[in-house]
Amino acid sequence: MNLKTVILILTIGIFPSFAFSYSCPMKIGNVDQAISELDSTKHGAIIEAAKVLRTKGEKAHKNGDHQLSEDILAAALRLLDV
């Protein structure tokens, strides 16, 4: 096996994992967007709960627990879907 073949195999094996990696930062942005669109006078308690979930989701992401982060952020998004 020559060097080009090895590089090709490694490239094919590595790049798909980047394409399907976790989307925690995107979901954090979605939570922020949904919070900014809600009327805080009507939905203040929901917004505060979503902010707590967002913080926990971001912390899980920073700690490398991406599945937990996505689950928490998905819960925040469901909560914000008033």
N, C-alpha and C. Protein backbone atom coordinates (compact mmCIF):
# COMPACT_ATOMS: atom_id res chain seq x y z
N MET A 1 0.85 -1.17 0.00
CA MET A 1 0.00 0.00 0.00
C MET A 1 0.90 1.24 0.00
N ASN A 2 0.63 2.15 -0.92
CA ASN A 2 1.47 3.34 -0.99
C ASN A 2 0.90 4.47 -0.12
N LEU A 3 1.65 5.52 -0.01
CA LEU A 3 1.30 6.64 0.86
C LEU A 3 -0.01 7.30 0.44
N LYS A 4 -0.25 7.42 -0.85
CA LYS A 4 -1.49 8.04 -1.34
C LYS A 4 -2.71 7.24 -0.88
N THR A 5 -2.61 5.94 -0.92
CA THR A 5 -3.73 5.09 -0.50
C THR A 5 -4.00 5.25 0.99
N VAL A 6 -2.95 5.30 1.79
CA VAL A 6 -3.11 5.48 3.23
C VAL A 6 -3.76 6.82 3.53
N ILE A 7 -3.30 7.87 2.87
CA ILE A 7 -3.87 9.21 3.07
C ILE A 7 -5.34 9.22 2.65
N LEU A 8 -5.67 8.59 1.56
CA LEU A 8 -7.05 8.53 1.09
C LEU A 8 -7.93 7.80 2.10
N ILE A 9 -7.48 6.69 2.61
CA ILE A 9 -8.25 5.93 3.59
C ILE A 9 -8.47 6.74 4.87
N LEU A 10 -7.42 7.41 5.33
CA LEU A 10 -7.56 8.23 6.53
C LEU A 10 -8.52 9.40 6.31
N THR A 11 -8.42 10.01 5.14
CA THR A 11 -9.28 11.14 4.81
C THR A 11 -10.75 10.71 4.77
N ILE A 12 -11.02 9.60 4.13
CA ILE A 12 -12.39 9.10 4.04
C ILE A 12 -12.91 8.72 5.42
N GLY A 13 -12.04 8.23 6.26
CA GLY A 13 -12.45 7.84 7.61
C GLY A 13 -12.64 9.00 8.56
N ILE A 14 -11.93 10.09 8.36
CA ILE A 14 -11.98 11.22 9.30
C ILE A 14 -13.03 12.26 8.92
N PHE A 15 -13.12 12.65 7.68
CA PHE A 15 -14.00 13.75 7.30
C PHE A 15 -15.49 13.49 7.55
N PRO A 16 -16.00 12.31 7.34
CA PRO A 16 -17.42 12.11 7.66
C PRO A 16 -17.73 12.34 9.14
N SER A 17 -16.79 12.05 10.01
CA SER A 17 -17.04 12.28 11.43
C SER A 17 -17.17 13.78 11.72
N PHE A 18 -16.46 14.62 10.97
CA PHE A 18 -16.62 16.05 11.14
C PHE A 18 -17.98 16.52 10.62
N ALA A 19 -18.43 15.94 9.55
CA ALA A 19 -19.70 16.35 8.95
C ALA A 19 -20.87 16.00 9.85
N PHE A 20 -20.77 14.92 10.60
CA PHE A 20 -21.86 14.49 11.44
C PHE A 20 -21.58 14.72 12.92
N SER A 21 -20.69 15.64 13.21
CA SER A 21 -20.36 15.90 14.61
C SER A 21 -21.54 16.58 15.30
N TYR A 22 -21.43 16.66 16.59
CA TYR A 22 -22.51 17.23 17.38
C TYR A 22 -22.73 18.70 17.04
N SER A 23 -23.96 19.15 17.24
CA SER A 23 -24.33 20.51 16.85
C SER A 23 -24.67 21.37 18.06
N CYS A 24 -23.96 21.19 19.14
CA CYS A 24 -24.23 21.94 20.36
C CYS A 24 -24.20 23.46 20.14
N PRO A 25 -23.16 24.01 19.51
CA PRO A 25 -23.13 25.46 19.34
C PRO A 25 -24.32 25.99 18.53
N MET A 26 -24.75 25.23 17.53
CA MET A 26 -25.90 25.65 16.74
C MET A 26 -27.16 25.67 17.61
N LYS A 27 -27.31 24.65 18.45
CA LYS A 27 -28.49 24.60 19.32
C LYS A 27 -28.45 25.70 20.38
N ILE A 28 -27.27 26.04 20.86
CA ILE A 28 -27.15 27.14 21.81
C ILE A 28 -27.64 28.43 21.14
N GLY A 29 -27.24 28.64 19.91
CA GLY A 29 -27.71 29.81 19.15
C GLY A 29 -29.20 29.79 18.94
N ASN A 30 -29.76 28.61 18.68
CA ASN A 30 -31.21 28.49 18.50
C ASN A 30 -31.95 28.83 19.78
N VAL A 31 -31.41 28.40 20.92
CA VAL A 31 -32.02 28.73 22.21
C VAL A 31 -31.96 30.24 22.43
N ASP A 32 -30.82 30.84 22.16
CA ASP A 32 -30.68 32.30 22.33
C ASP A 32 -31.68 33.04 21.44
N GLN A 33 -31.82 32.57 20.21
CA GLN A 33 -32.76 33.21 19.28
C GLN A 33 -34.19 33.09 19.78
N ALA A 34 -34.57 31.89 20.23
CA ALA A 34 -35.93 31.68 20.72
C ALA A 34 -36.21 32.52 21.96
N ILE A 35 -35.22 32.65 22.84
CA ILE A 35 -35.38 33.48 24.03
C ILE A 35 -35.61 34.93 23.64
N SER A 36 -34.84 35.41 22.67
CA SER A 36 -34.96 36.81 22.27
C SER A 36 -36.30 37.11 21.60
N GLU A 37 -36.95 36.09 21.06
CA GLU A 37 -38.22 36.31 20.36
C GLU A 37 -39.44 36.24 21.27
N LEU A 38 -39.27 35.72 22.49
CA LEU A 38 -40.41 35.61 23.39
C LEU A 38 -40.63 36.90 24.16
N ASP A 39 -41.88 37.17 24.48
CA ASP A 39 -42.25 38.33 25.28
C ASP A 39 -41.95 38.00 26.74
N SER A 40 -40.99 38.71 27.32
CA SER A 40 -40.57 38.40 28.69
C SER A 40 -41.63 38.73 29.73
N THR A 41 -42.56 39.62 29.40
CA THR A 41 -43.62 39.93 30.36
C THR A 41 -44.64 38.79 30.44
N LYS A 42 -44.84 38.09 29.34
CA LYS A 42 -45.80 36.98 29.32
C LYS A 42 -45.16 35.66 29.72
N HIS A 43 -43.92 35.46 29.35
CA HIS A 43 -43.27 34.16 29.48
C HIS A 43 -41.98 34.23 30.31
N GLY A 44 -41.98 35.08 31.32
CA GLY A 44 -40.77 35.28 32.12
C GLY A 44 -40.25 34.01 32.77
N ALA A 45 -41.14 33.21 33.34
CA ALA A 45 -40.71 31.97 34.02
C ALA A 45 -40.15 30.96 33.03
N ILE A 46 -40.77 30.88 31.86
CA ILE A 46 -40.30 29.96 30.82
C ILE A 46 -38.91 30.38 30.34
N ILE A 47 -38.73 31.67 30.16
CA ILE A 47 -37.44 32.19 29.70
C ILE A 47 -36.36 31.89 30.74
N GLU A 48 -36.66 32.09 32.00
CA GLU A 48 -35.67 31.83 33.05
C GLU A 48 -35.30 30.34 33.10
N ALA A 49 -36.29 29.47 32.97
CA ALA A 49 -36.02 28.03 32.97
C ALA A 49 -35.18 27.65 31.75
N ALA A 50 -35.48 28.25 30.61
CA ALA A 50 -34.72 27.96 29.38
C ALA A 50 -33.28 28.45 29.52
N LYS A 51 -33.09 29.58 30.18
CA LYS A 51 -31.73 30.10 30.40
C LYS A 51 -30.92 29.16 31.28
N VAL A 52 -31.56 28.58 32.29
CA VAL A 52 -30.88 27.62 33.16
C VAL A 52 -30.48 26.40 32.34
N LEU A 53 -31.40 25.89 31.51
CA LEU A 53 -31.09 24.74 30.66
C LEU A 53 -29.98 25.08 29.67
N ARG A 54 -30.02 26.28 29.11
CA ARG A 54 -28.99 26.69 28.15
C ARG A 54 -27.62 26.68 28.80
N THR A 55 -27.55 27.22 30.03
CA THR A 55 -26.28 27.26 30.75
C THR A 55 -25.77 25.84 31.03
N LYS A 56 -26.67 24.96 31.45
CA LYS A 56 -26.28 23.58 31.72
C LYS A 56 -25.85 22.87 30.43
N GLY A 57 -26.55 23.15 29.33
CA GLY A 57 -26.18 22.56 28.05
C GLY A 57 -24.82 23.03 27.57
N GLU A 58 -24.56 24.32 27.74
CA GLU A 58 -23.25 24.86 27.34
C GLU A 58 -22.13 24.28 28.21
N LYS A 59 -22.41 24.12 29.50
CA LYS A 59 -21.41 23.54 30.40
C LYS A 59 -21.11 22.09 30.01
N ALA A 60 -22.15 21.32 29.70
CA ALA A 60 -21.95 19.93 29.27
C ALA A 60 -21.13 19.89 27.98
N HIS A 61 -21.39 20.81 27.07
CA HIS A 61 -20.63 20.89 25.81
C HIS A 61 -19.16 21.15 26.10
N LYS A 62 -18.89 22.12 26.97
CA LYS A 62 -17.51 22.47 27.30
C LYS A 62 -16.79 21.32 28.01
N ASN A 63 -17.56 20.50 28.74
CA ASN A 63 -16.97 19.35 29.43
C ASN A 63 -16.82 18.14 28.52
N GLY A 64 -17.26 18.27 27.27
CA GLY A 64 -17.10 17.19 26.30
C GLY A 64 -18.23 16.19 26.27
N ASP A 65 -19.29 16.42 27.04
CA ASP A 65 -20.43 15.51 27.04
C ASP A 65 -21.47 16.05 26.06
N HIS A 66 -21.22 15.83 24.78
CA HIS A 66 -22.02 16.45 23.73
C HIS A 66 -23.43 15.87 23.64
N GLN A 67 -23.59 14.60 23.90
CA GLN A 67 -24.93 14.03 23.84
C GLN A 67 -25.81 14.62 24.94
N LEU A 68 -25.27 14.74 26.14
CA LEU A 68 -26.01 15.36 27.23
C LEU A 68 -26.32 16.81 26.89
N SER A 69 -25.36 17.51 26.34
CA SER A 69 -25.56 18.90 25.94
C SER A 69 -26.70 19.01 24.94
N GLU A 70 -26.70 18.16 23.93
CA GLU A 70 -27.77 18.21 22.93
C GLU A 70 -29.13 17.90 23.54
N ASP A 71 -29.17 16.94 24.47
CA ASP A 71 -30.43 16.59 25.12
C ASP A 71 -30.97 17.76 25.94
N ILE A 72 -30.09 18.40 26.69
CA ILE A 72 -30.51 19.54 27.52
C ILE A 72 -30.97 20.70 26.65
N LEU A 73 -30.21 21.00 25.60
CA LEU A 73 -30.57 22.10 24.72
C LEU A 73 -31.86 21.81 23.96
N ALA A 74 -32.10 20.56 23.60
CA ALA A 74 -33.35 20.19 22.95
C ALA A 74 -34.53 20.40 23.89
N ALA A 75 -34.32 20.12 25.18
CA ALA A 75 -35.37 20.36 26.17
C ALA A 75 -35.67 21.85 26.28
N ALA A 76 -34.63 22.67 26.25
CA ALA A 76 -34.83 24.11 26.30
C ALA A 76 -35.62 24.59 25.09
N LEU A 77 -35.30 24.04 23.92
CA LEU A 77 -36.02 24.45 22.71
C LEU A 77 -37.49 24.01 22.76
N ARG A 78 -37.74 22.81 23.30
CA ARG A 78 -39.13 22.38 23.44
C ARG A 78 -39.88 23.29 24.40
N LEU A 79 -39.21 23.68 25.47
CA LEU A 79 -39.81 24.58 26.45
C LEU A 79 -40.15 25.94 25.84
N LEU A 80 -39.28 26.41 24.98
CA LEU A 80 -39.47 27.72 24.36
C LEU A 80 -40.47 27.73 23.22
N ASP A 81 -40.90 26.55 22.81
CA ASP A 81 -41.89 26.46 21.73
C ASP A 81 -43.28 26.65 22.33
N VAL A 82 -43.54 27.87 22.80
CA VAL A 82 -44.79 28.18 23.51
C VAL A 82 -45.94 28.27 22.53
